[in-house]
Amino acid sequence: MNSGISYKCRGVGPALVFLHGVGGGAESWDTQLAFFGDRFRALAWDMPGYGGSAAVAPADFPQWADALAAWLDEIDVERCVLVGHSIGGMIAQQFMTRHAVRVTRLVLSATSPAFGRPDGDFQRDFIRSRIGPLDDGKTMSELAALFIPGLVGPGADPDGIRNAVSTMSRVAPQTYRDAMQALVRFDLRDQLAAISVPTLLVAGEHDKAAPAKVMERMAEKIPNADYRCVAGGGHLANMERAETFNTILSDYLDA
C-alpha cells in the first residue's frame, strides 16, 4: 500500500529518521542528511499534508504516528533512530506510545510533552497570533518573514534562516492551520516515564517556544535520558547552528 509520504534520503546503513517542525519540511534537515549520510541511511519525511505528502484525517497525533509507521513499512525500515523537532518531537513521543518497538534511540529537539489546555487563555492567544494573520489575508511567505526571525538565537547562520523562511513559505495554509489546532491539544506528560529507549533531549539556549528549562525538566522524567543545550541557539538549532547540532547528535550516536 502506498503511504502517500514524500521524503528525502541520503546514504546507506542503519536508519536515522528526521521529523520536521510545524513550519518545516523534509528540506529542514538538508544539512543533517548531508552530514550523516556517509554512515547512516538518513531519511527526512514531509509529514502528512506537507510537501508532496498526502494529508490524513483527522489531522492529529495518533494519525500522524500511524502514518509514520506505514511509511517506514513502505521503505523497509523495521527499526530506526528517531529524531523529532518541535511538532515532530511530539509525533515522535506519540509514536513511542504506539510503535515503540521500532525505535532504537530517540532524539527530541526543541519540543515539549504538552501544550496545555486547548481552552486556556495562552492557547487561544497563541492560535490567534499564529493563524490570525492568515485570516487577515497574509500569505505563508509573509508569515515566515514575520515569525522566523523571532525563533532563532543571536548570530544565527543566515543560510539556515533563509532555508527556514523558504521552507515555511511553501507550507499549505490549511496544513498549517490543522497543525496549529492539533498542537494545542497535545499532552503526553503522563507517558514520559514509559519511554524505555535511550533518549537525547536537545534544547536551544534562547528558545522561547520550547524553553531549555522545560526540556531539562522533561529529561528528568524520562529514564535513561541525556540533555544537551545548544549555546546561542533558538528554536531552529538544526538549521541556525547546524554544525553544533550535528556534533551533539553525532557524539550521542557514537557513544
C-alpha atoms as a PDB file:
ATOM      1  CA  MET A   1       0.000   0.000   0.000  1.00  0.00           C
ATOM      2  CA  ASN A   2       1.278   3.469  -0.885  1.00  0.00           C
ATOM      3  CA  SER A   3       1.812   5.539   2.267  1.00  0.00           C
ATOM      4  CA  GLY A   4       1.435   8.798   0.333  1.00  0.00           C
ATOM      5  CA  ILE A   5       4.571  10.185   2.008  1.00  0.00           C
ATOM      6  CA  SER A   6       7.246  12.158   0.158  1.00  0.00           C
ATOM      7  CA  TYR A   7      10.720  12.230   1.630  1.00  0.00           C
ATOM      8  CA  LYS A   8      14.431  12.821   1.137  1.00  0.00           C
ATOM      9  CA  CYS A   9      17.094  10.164   1.616  1.00  0.00           C
ATOM     10  CA  ARG A  10      20.880  10.127   1.765  1.00  0.00           C
ATOM     11  CA  GLY A  11      23.265   7.218   2.277  1.00  0.00           C
ATOM     12  CA  VAL A  12      23.001   3.591   3.366  1.00  0.00           C
ATOM     13  CA  GLY A  13      23.259   1.833   6.703  1.00  0.00           C
ATOM     14  CA  PRO A  14      21.204   1.975   9.907  1.00  0.00           C
ATOM     15  CA  ALA A  15      18.110   4.142   9.517  1.00  0.00           C
ATOM     16  CA  LEU A  16      18.221   7.649  11.002  1.00  0.00           C
ATOM     17  CA  VAL A  17      14.810   9.286  10.583  1.00  0.00           C
ATOM     18  CA  PHE A  18      14.169  13.035  10.932  1.00  0.00           C
ATOM     19  CA  LEU A  19      10.753  14.606  11.636  1.00  0.00           C
ATOM     20  CA  HIS A  20      10.415  18.353  10.997  1.00  0.00           C
ATOM     21  CA  GLY A  21       8.561  21.133  12.790  1.00  0.00           C
ATOM     22  CA  VAL A  22       5.267  22.874  12.113  1.00  0.00           C
ATOM     23  CA  GLY A  23       6.751  25.365   9.645  1.00  0.00           C
ATOM     24  CA  GLY A  24       9.159  22.892   8.117  1.00  0.00           C
ATOM     25  CA  GLY A  25       9.527  20.113   5.609  1.00  0.00           C
ATOM     26  CA  ALA A  26      11.994  17.443   4.598  1.00  0.00           C
ATOM     27  CA  GLU A  27      14.394  20.152   3.431  1.00  0.00           C
ATOM     28  CA  SER A  28      14.635  21.437   7.010  1.00  0.00           C
ATOM     29  CA  TRP A  29      17.094  18.584   7.527  1.00  0.00           C
ATOM     30  CA  ASP A  30      19.258  19.052   4.418  1.00  0.00           C
ATOM     31  CA  THR A  31      22.380  19.771   6.445  1.00  0.00           C
ATOM     32  CA  GLN A  32      21.802  16.719   8.635  1.00  0.00           C
ATOM     33  CA  LEU A  33      21.197  14.453   5.638  1.00  0.00           C
ATOM     34  CA  ALA A  34      24.484  15.573   4.112  1.00  0.00           C
ATOM     35  CA  PHE A  35      26.366  15.172   7.395  1.00  0.00           C
ATOM     36  CA  PHE A  36      25.022  11.786   8.469  1.00  0.00           C
ATOM     37  CA  GLY A  37      24.517  10.245   5.031  1.00  0.00           C
ATOM     38  CA  ASP A  38      28.051   8.877   4.976  1.00  0.00           C
ATOM     39  CA  ARG A  39      27.288   6.317   7.707  1.00  0.00           C
ATOM     40  CA  PHE A  40      23.515   6.144   8.037  1.00  0.00           C
ATOM     41  CA  ARG A  41      20.516   5.786   5.815  1.00  0.00           C
ATOM     42  CA  ALA A  42      19.427   9.304   6.696  1.00  0.00           C
ATOM     43  CA  LEU A  43      15.761   9.989   5.934  1.00  0.00           C
ATOM     44  CA  ALA A  44      13.609  13.093   6.326  1.00  0.00           C
ATOM     45  CA  TRP A  45       9.894  12.937   5.660  1.00  0.00           C
ATOM     46  CA  ASP A  46       7.320  15.526   4.692  1.00  0.00           C
ATOM     47  CA  MET A  47       4.732  14.882   7.389  1.00  0.00           C
ATOM     48  CA  PRO A  48       1.164  14.374   6.112  1.00  0.00           C
ATOM     49  CA  GLY A  49      -0.090  17.495   4.341  1.00  0.00           C
ATOM     50  CA  TYR A  50       3.413  18.891   3.832  1.00  0.00           C
ATOM     51  CA  GLY A  51       5.443  18.900   0.619  1.00  0.00           C
ATOM     52  CA  GLY A  52       4.264  16.082  -1.609  1.00  0.00           C
ATOM     53  CA  SER A  53       2.713  14.066   1.231  1.00  0.00           C
ATOM     54  CA  ALA A  54      -0.996  13.375   1.283  1.00  0.00           C
ATOM     55  CA  ALA A  55      -2.924  14.756   4.239  1.00  0.00           C
ATOM     56  CA  VAL A  56      -4.628  12.425   6.709  1.00  0.00           C
ATOM     57  CA  ALA A  57      -7.925  12.836   8.507  1.00  0.00           C
ATOM     58  CA  PRO A  58      -8.251  13.636  11.250  1.00  0.00           C
ATOM     59  CA  ALA A  59      -5.072  15.701  11.331  1.00  0.00           C
ATOM     60  CA  ASP A  60      -3.940  14.634  14.789  1.00  0.00           C
ATOM     61  CA  PHE A  61      -1.015  12.991  16.514  1.00  0.00           C
ATOM     62  CA  PRO A  62      -2.263   9.390  16.558  1.00  0.00           C
ATOM     63  CA  GLN A  63      -2.946   9.574  12.805  1.00  0.00           C
ATOM     64  CA  TRP A  64       0.450  11.127  12.131  1.00  0.00           C
ATOM     65  CA  ALA A  65       2.194   8.469  14.233  1.00  0.00           C
ATOM     66  CA  ASP A  66       0.422   5.696  12.339  1.00  0.00           C
ATOM     67  CA  ALA A  67       1.262   7.398   9.027  1.00  0.00           C
ATOM     68  CA  LEU A  68       4.910   7.348  10.107  1.00  0.00           C
ATOM     69  CA  ALA A  69       4.702   3.622  10.806  1.00  0.00           C
ATOM     70  CA  ALA A  70       3.089   2.971   7.417  1.00  0.00           C
ATOM     71  CA  TRP A  71       5.803   4.960   5.662  1.00  0.00           C
ATOM     72  CA  LEU A  72       8.552   3.065   7.475  1.00  0.00           C
ATOM     73  CA  ASP A  73       6.900  -0.187   6.372  1.00  0.00           C
ATOM     74  CA  GLU A  74       6.856   1.017   2.782  1.00  0.00           C
ATOM     75  CA  ILE A  75      10.561   1.923   2.731  1.00  0.00           C
ATOM     76  CA  ASP A  76      11.597  -1.273   4.560  1.00  0.00           C
ATOM     77  CA  VAL A  77      12.718   0.329   7.810  1.00  0.00           C
ATOM     78  CA  GLU A  78      11.995  -2.081  10.637  1.00  0.00           C
ATOM     79  CA  ARG A  79      13.798  -0.105  13.356  1.00  0.00           C
ATOM     80  CA  CYS A  80      15.429   3.312  13.435  1.00  0.00           C
ATOM     81  CA  VAL A  81      16.919   6.133  15.423  1.00  0.00           C
ATOM     82  CA  LEU A  82      14.076   8.661  15.513  1.00  0.00           C
ATOM     83  CA  VAL A  83      14.830  12.406  15.645  1.00  0.00           C
ATOM     84  CA  GLY A  84      11.881  14.764  16.116  1.00  0.00           C
ATOM     85  CA  HIS A  85      11.967  18.556  16.134  1.00  0.00           C
ATOM     86  CA  SER A  86       9.188  20.691  17.665  1.00  0.00           C
ATOM     87  CA  ILE A  87       5.878  19.204  16.481  1.00  0.00           C
ATOM     88  CA  GLY A  88       7.988  16.400  15.001  1.00  0.00           C
ATOM     89  CA  GLY A  89       9.197  15.713  18.535  1.00  0.00           C
ATOM     90  CA  MET A  90       5.586  15.444  19.641  1.00  0.00           C
ATOM     91  CA  ILE A  91       4.874  12.990  16.820  1.00  0.00           C
ATOM     92  CA  ALA A  92       7.921  11.026  17.980  1.00  0.00           C
ATOM     93  CA  GLN A  93       6.514  10.906  21.519  1.00  0.00           C
ATOM     94  CA  GLN A  94       3.161   9.729  20.176  1.00  0.00           C
ATOM     95  CA  PHE A  95       4.974   7.138  18.052  1.00  0.00           C
ATOM     96  CA  MET A  96       6.555   5.764  21.223  1.00  0.00           C
ATOM     97  CA  THR A  97       3.100   5.109  22.688  1.00  0.00           C
ATOM     98  CA  ARG A  98       2.020   3.092  19.634  1.00  0.00           C
ATOM     99  CA  HIS A  99       5.124   1.716  17.882  1.00  0.00           C
ATOM    100  CA  ALA A 100       7.926   1.874  20.458  1.00  0.00           C
ATOM    101  CA  VAL A 101       9.452  -1.438  19.375  1.00  0.00           C
ATOM    102  CA  ARG A 102      10.554   0.232  16.140  1.00  0.00           C
ATOM    103  CA  VAL A 103      12.783   2.824  17.827  1.00  0.00           C
ATOM    104  CA  THR A 104      16.336   2.046  18.951  1.00  0.00           C
ATOM    105  CA  ARG A 105      17.123   5.562  20.166  1.00  0.00           C
ATOM    106  CA  LEU A 106      15.011   8.679  20.468  1.00  0.00           C
ATOM    107  CA  VAL A 107      16.147  12.280  19.986  1.00  0.00           C
ATOM    108  CA  LEU A 108      13.779  15.102  20.922  1.00  0.00           C
ATOM    109  CA  SER A 109      14.745  18.586  19.775  1.00  0.00           C
ATOM    110  CA  ALA A 110      13.072  21.862  20.788  1.00  0.00           C
ATOM    111  CA  THR A 111       9.860  20.165  21.828  1.00  0.00           C
ATOM    112  CA  SER A 112       7.693  19.540  24.887  1.00  0.00           C
ATOM    113  CA  PRO A 113       5.393  16.837  26.275  1.00  0.00           C
ATOM    114  CA  ALA A 114       2.328  19.092  26.323  1.00  0.00           C
ATOM    115  CA  PHE A 115       0.981  22.397  25.152  1.00  0.00           C
ATOM    116  CA  GLY A 116      -1.557  22.871  27.905  1.00  0.00           C
ATOM    117  CA  ARG A 117      -5.336  23.159  27.921  1.00  0.00           C
ATOM    118  CA  PRO A 118      -6.943  23.712  24.479  1.00  0.00           C
ATOM    119  CA  ASP A 119      -9.338  26.240  26.003  1.00  0.00           C
ATOM    120  CA  GLY A 120      -6.745  28.127  28.044  1.00  0.00           C
ATOM    121  CA  ASP A 121      -6.070  31.818  27.523  1.00  0.00           C
ATOM    122  CA  PHE A 122      -2.479  31.169  26.465  1.00  0.00           C
ATOM    123  CA  GLN A 123      -3.563  28.601  23.908  1.00  0.00           C
ATOM    124  CA  ARG A 124      -6.275  30.840  22.456  1.00  0.00           C
ATOM    125  CA  ASP A 125      -3.844  33.745  22.225  1.00  0.00           C
ATOM    126  CA  PHE A 126      -1.232  31.507  20.606  1.00  0.00           C
ATOM    127  CA  ILE A 127      -3.633  30.261  17.946  1.00  0.00           C
ATOM    128  CA  ARG A 128      -4.850  33.801  17.301  1.00  0.00           C
ATOM    129  CA  SER A 129      -1.293  35.086  16.910  1.00  0.00           C
ATOM    130  CA  ARG A 130      -0.285  32.275  14.530  1.00  0.00           C
ATOM    131  CA  ILE A 131      -3.445  31.858  12.456  1.00  0.00           C
ATOM    132  CA  GLY A 132      -4.882  35.365  12.731  1.00  0.00           C
ATOM    133  CA  PRO A 133      -2.547  36.789  10.062  1.00  0.00           C
ATOM    134  CA  LEU A 134      -3.841  34.169   7.602  1.00  0.00           C
ATOM    135  CA  ASP A 135      -7.394  35.222   8.417  1.00  0.00           C
ATOM    136  CA  ASP A 136      -6.329  38.798   7.695  1.00  0.00           C
ATOM    137  CA  GLY A 137      -5.146  37.794   4.221  1.00  0.00           C
ATOM    138  CA  LYS A 138      -1.421  37.337   4.740  1.00  0.00           C
ATOM    139  CA  THR A 139       0.388  34.606   2.802  1.00  0.00           C
ATOM    140  CA  MET A 140       2.576  31.871   4.249  1.00  0.00           C
ATOM    141  CA  SER A 141       5.597  33.723   2.844  1.00  0.00           C
ATOM    142  CA  GLU A 142       4.607  36.781   4.839  1.00  0.00           C
ATOM    143  CA  LEU A 143       4.075  34.661   7.954  1.00  0.00           C
ATOM    144  CA  ALA A 144       7.509  33.097   7.517  1.00  0.00           C
ATOM    145  CA  ALA A 145       9.164  36.504   7.238  1.00  0.00           C
ATOM    146  CA  LEU A 146       7.217  37.615  10.321  1.00  0.00           C
ATOM    147  CA  PHE A 147       7.840  34.644  12.619  1.00  0.00           C
ATOM    148  CA  ILE A 148      11.202  33.056  11.716  1.00  0.00           C
ATOM    149  CA  PRO A 149      13.400  35.926  12.999  1.00  0.00           C
ATOM    150  CA  GLY A 150      11.795  35.530  16.422  1.00  0.00           C
ATOM    151  CA  LEU A 151      12.506  31.803  16.524  1.00  0.00           C
ATOM    152  CA  VAL A 152      16.281  31.935  16.123  1.00  0.00           C
ATOM    153  CA  GLY A 153      19.010  32.929  18.531  1.00  0.00           C
ATOM    154  CA  PRO A 154      21.592  35.708  18.145  1.00  0.00           C
ATOM    155  CA  GLY A 155      24.195  35.132  15.467  1.00  0.00           C
ATOM    156  CA  ALA A 156      22.143  32.501  13.650  1.00  0.00           C
ATOM    157  CA  ASP A 157      23.528  31.214  10.351  1.00  0.00           C
ATOM    158  CA  PRO A 158      21.997  33.367   7.561  1.00  0.00           C
ATOM    159  CA  ASP A 159      21.812  30.336   5.247  1.00  0.00           C
ATOM    160  CA  GLY A 160      19.881  28.453   7.899  1.00  0.00           C
ATOM    161  CA  ILE A 161      17.466  31.358   8.317  1.00  0.00           C
ATOM    162  CA  ARG A 162      16.922  31.564   4.561  1.00  0.00           C
ATOM    163  CA  ASN A 163      16.212  27.829   4.455  1.00  0.00           C
ATOM    164  CA  ALA A 164      13.718  28.147   7.317  1.00  0.00           C
ATOM    165  CA  VAL A 165      11.899  31.055   5.656  1.00  0.00           C
ATOM    166  CA  SER A 166      11.842  29.344   2.265  1.00  0.00           C
ATOM    167  CA  THR A 167      10.557  26.075   3.724  1.00  0.00           C
ATOM    168  CA  MET A 168       7.802  27.671   5.792  1.00  0.00           C
ATOM    169  CA  SER A 169       6.731  29.747   2.781  1.00  0.00           C
ATOM    170  CA  ARG A 170       5.836  26.547   0.937  1.00  0.00           C
ATOM    171  CA  VAL A 171       3.598  25.099   3.669  1.00  0.00           C
ATOM    172  CA  ALA A 172      -0.044  24.946   2.601  1.00  0.00           C
ATOM    173  CA  PRO A 173      -2.191  27.334   4.688  1.00  0.00           C
ATOM    174  CA  GLN A 174      -4.728  24.633   5.624  1.00  0.00           C
ATOM    175  CA  THR A 175      -1.941  22.276   6.671  1.00  0.00           C
ATOM    176  CA  TYR A 176      -0.518  24.997   8.892  1.00  0.00           C
ATOM    177  CA  ARG A 177      -3.937  25.684  10.403  1.00  0.00           C
ATOM    178  CA  ASP A 178      -4.536  21.979  11.091  1.00  0.00           C
ATOM    179  CA  ALA A 179      -1.127  21.550  12.716  1.00  0.00           C
ATOM    180  CA  MET A 180      -1.637  24.556  14.980  1.00  0.00           C
ATOM    181  CA  GLN A 181      -5.043  23.305  16.101  1.00  0.00           C
ATOM    182  CA  ALA A 182      -3.600  19.859  16.865  1.00  0.00           C
ATOM    183  CA  LEU A 183      -0.672  21.369  18.731  1.00  0.00           C
ATOM    184  CA  VAL A 184      -2.765  22.893  21.500  1.00  0.00           C
ATOM    185  CA  ARG A 185      -4.471  19.543  22.168  1.00  0.00           C
ATOM    186  CA  PHE A 186      -1.222  17.630  22.686  1.00  0.00           C
ATOM    187  CA  ASP A 187      -0.489  16.233  26.158  1.00  0.00           C
ATOM    188  CA  LEU A 188       1.646  13.142  26.788  1.00  0.00           C
ATOM    189  CA  ARG A 189       3.213  14.210  30.079  1.00  0.00           C
ATOM    190  CA  ASP A 190       1.996  11.023  31.741  1.00  0.00           C
ATOM    191  CA  GLN A 191       3.812   8.909  29.135  1.00  0.00           C
ATOM    192  CA  LEU A 192       7.349  10.245  29.636  1.00  0.00           C
ATOM    193  CA  ALA A 193       8.263   7.664  32.270  1.00  0.00           C
ATOM    194  CA  ALA A 194       7.235   4.876  29.885  1.00  0.00           C
ATOM    195  CA  ILE A 195       9.878   5.783  27.283  1.00  0.00           C
ATOM    196  CA  SER A 196      12.254   2.851  27.555  1.00  0.00           C
ATOM    197  CA  VAL A 197      14.889   3.552  24.878  1.00  0.00           C
ATOM    198  CA  PRO A 198      17.978   5.735  25.298  1.00  0.00           C
ATOM    199  CA  THR A 199      16.835   9.307  24.714  1.00  0.00           C
ATOM    200  CA  LEU A 200      18.597  12.577  23.974  1.00  0.00           C
ATOM    201  CA  LEU A 201      16.916  15.939  24.506  1.00  0.00           C
ATOM    202  CA  VAL A 202      18.411  18.927  22.687  1.00  0.00           C
ATOM    203  CA  ALA A 203      17.353  22.458  23.613  1.00  0.00           C
ATOM    204  CA  GLY A 204      18.296  25.878  22.298  1.00  0.00           C
ATOM    205  CA  GLU A 205      19.668  28.304  24.864  1.00  0.00           C
ATOM    206  CA  HIS A 206      17.416  31.129  23.629  1.00  0.00           C
ATOM    207  CA  ASP A 207      14.402  29.058  22.574  1.00  0.00           C
ATOM    208  CA  LYS A 208      11.189  30.733  23.750  1.00  0.00           C
ATOM    209  CA  ALA A 209       8.849  28.184  22.157  1.00  0.00           C
ATOM    210  CA  ALA A 210      10.361  25.166  23.948  1.00  0.00           C
ATOM    211  CA  PRO A 211      12.483  26.721  26.703  1.00  0.00           C
ATOM    212  CA  ALA A 212      15.661  24.964  27.756  1.00  0.00           C
ATOM    213  CA  LYS A 213      14.497  24.732  31.371  1.00  0.00           C
ATOM    214  CA  VAL A 214      11.314  22.973  30.284  1.00  0.00           C
ATOM    215  CA  MET A 215      13.286  20.461  28.233  1.00  0.00           C
ATOM    216  CA  GLU A 216      15.725  19.884  31.075  1.00  0.00           C
ATOM    217  CA  ARG A 217      12.830  19.041  33.398  1.00  0.00           C
ATOM    218  CA  MET A 218      11.401  16.832  30.686  1.00  0.00           C
ATOM    219  CA  ALA A 219      14.674  14.902  30.523  1.00  0.00           C
ATOM    220  CA  GLU A 220      14.497  14.271  34.265  1.00  0.00           C
ATOM    221  CA  LYS A 221      11.210  12.402  33.788  1.00  0.00           C
ATOM    222  CA  ILE A 222      12.485  10.065  31.051  1.00  0.00           C
ATOM    223  CA  PRO A 223      14.521   7.044  32.164  1.00  0.00           C
ATOM    224  CA  ASN A 224      17.957   6.812  30.547  1.00  0.00           C
ATOM    225  CA  ALA A 225      17.770  10.342  29.110  1.00  0.00           C
ATOM    226  CA  ASP A 226      20.598  12.766  28.327  1.00  0.00           C
ATOM    227  CA  TYR A 227      20.158  16.525  27.970  1.00  0.00           C
ATOM    228  CA  ARG A 228      22.193  18.953  25.867  1.00  0.00           C
ATOM    229  CA  CYS A 229      21.784  22.670  25.248  1.00  0.00           C
ATOM    230  CA  VAL A 230      22.901  24.408  22.049  1.00  0.00           C
ATOM    231  CA  ALA A 231      24.699  27.540  23.211  1.00  0.00           C
ATOM    232  CA  GLY A 232      23.326  30.594  21.419  1.00  0.00           C
ATOM    233  CA  GLY A 233      20.647  28.533  19.688  1.00  0.00           C
ATOM    234  CA  GLY A 234      16.967  29.284  19.363  1.00  0.00           C
ATOM    235  CA  HIS A 235      14.074  27.070  18.307  1.00  0.00           C
ATOM    236  CA  LEU A 236      15.636  26.061  14.978  1.00  0.00           C
ATOM    237  CA  ALA A 237      19.037  24.864  16.183  1.00  0.00           C
ATOM    238  CA  ASN A 238      19.406  22.208  13.483  1.00  0.00           C
ATOM    239  CA  MET A 239      19.271  24.949  10.843  1.00  0.00           C
ATOM    240  CA  GLU A 240      20.613  28.048  12.599  1.00  0.00           C
ATOM    241  CA  ARG A 241      23.551  26.278  14.288  1.00  0.00           C
ATOM    242  CA  ALA A 242      23.787  23.111  12.237  1.00  0.00           C
ATOM    243  CA  GLU A 243      27.438  22.353  12.998  1.00  0.00           C
ATOM    244  CA  THR A 244      26.842  22.391  16.756  1.00  0.00           C
ATOM    245  CA  PHE A 245      23.622  20.411  16.440  1.00  0.00           C
ATOM    246  CA  ASN A 246      25.278  17.801  14.230  1.00  0.00           C
ATOM    247  CA  THR A 247      28.193  17.431  16.631  1.00  0.00           C
ATOM    248  CA  ILE A 248      25.862  16.892  19.591  1.00  0.00           C
ATOM    249  CA  LEU A 249      23.850  14.294  17.694  1.00  0.00           C
ATOM    250  CA  SER A 250      26.933  12.584  16.279  1.00  0.00           C
ATOM    251  CA  ASP A 251      28.593  12.328  19.689  1.00  0.00           C
ATOM    252  CA  TYR A 252      25.426  10.817  21.117  1.00  0.00           C
ATOM    253  CA  LEU A 253      25.104   8.253  18.335  1.00  0.00           C
ATOM    254  CA  ASP A 254      28.777   7.318  18.703  1.00  0.00           C
ATOM    255  CA  ALA A 255      28.587   6.911  22.488  1.00  0.00           C
END
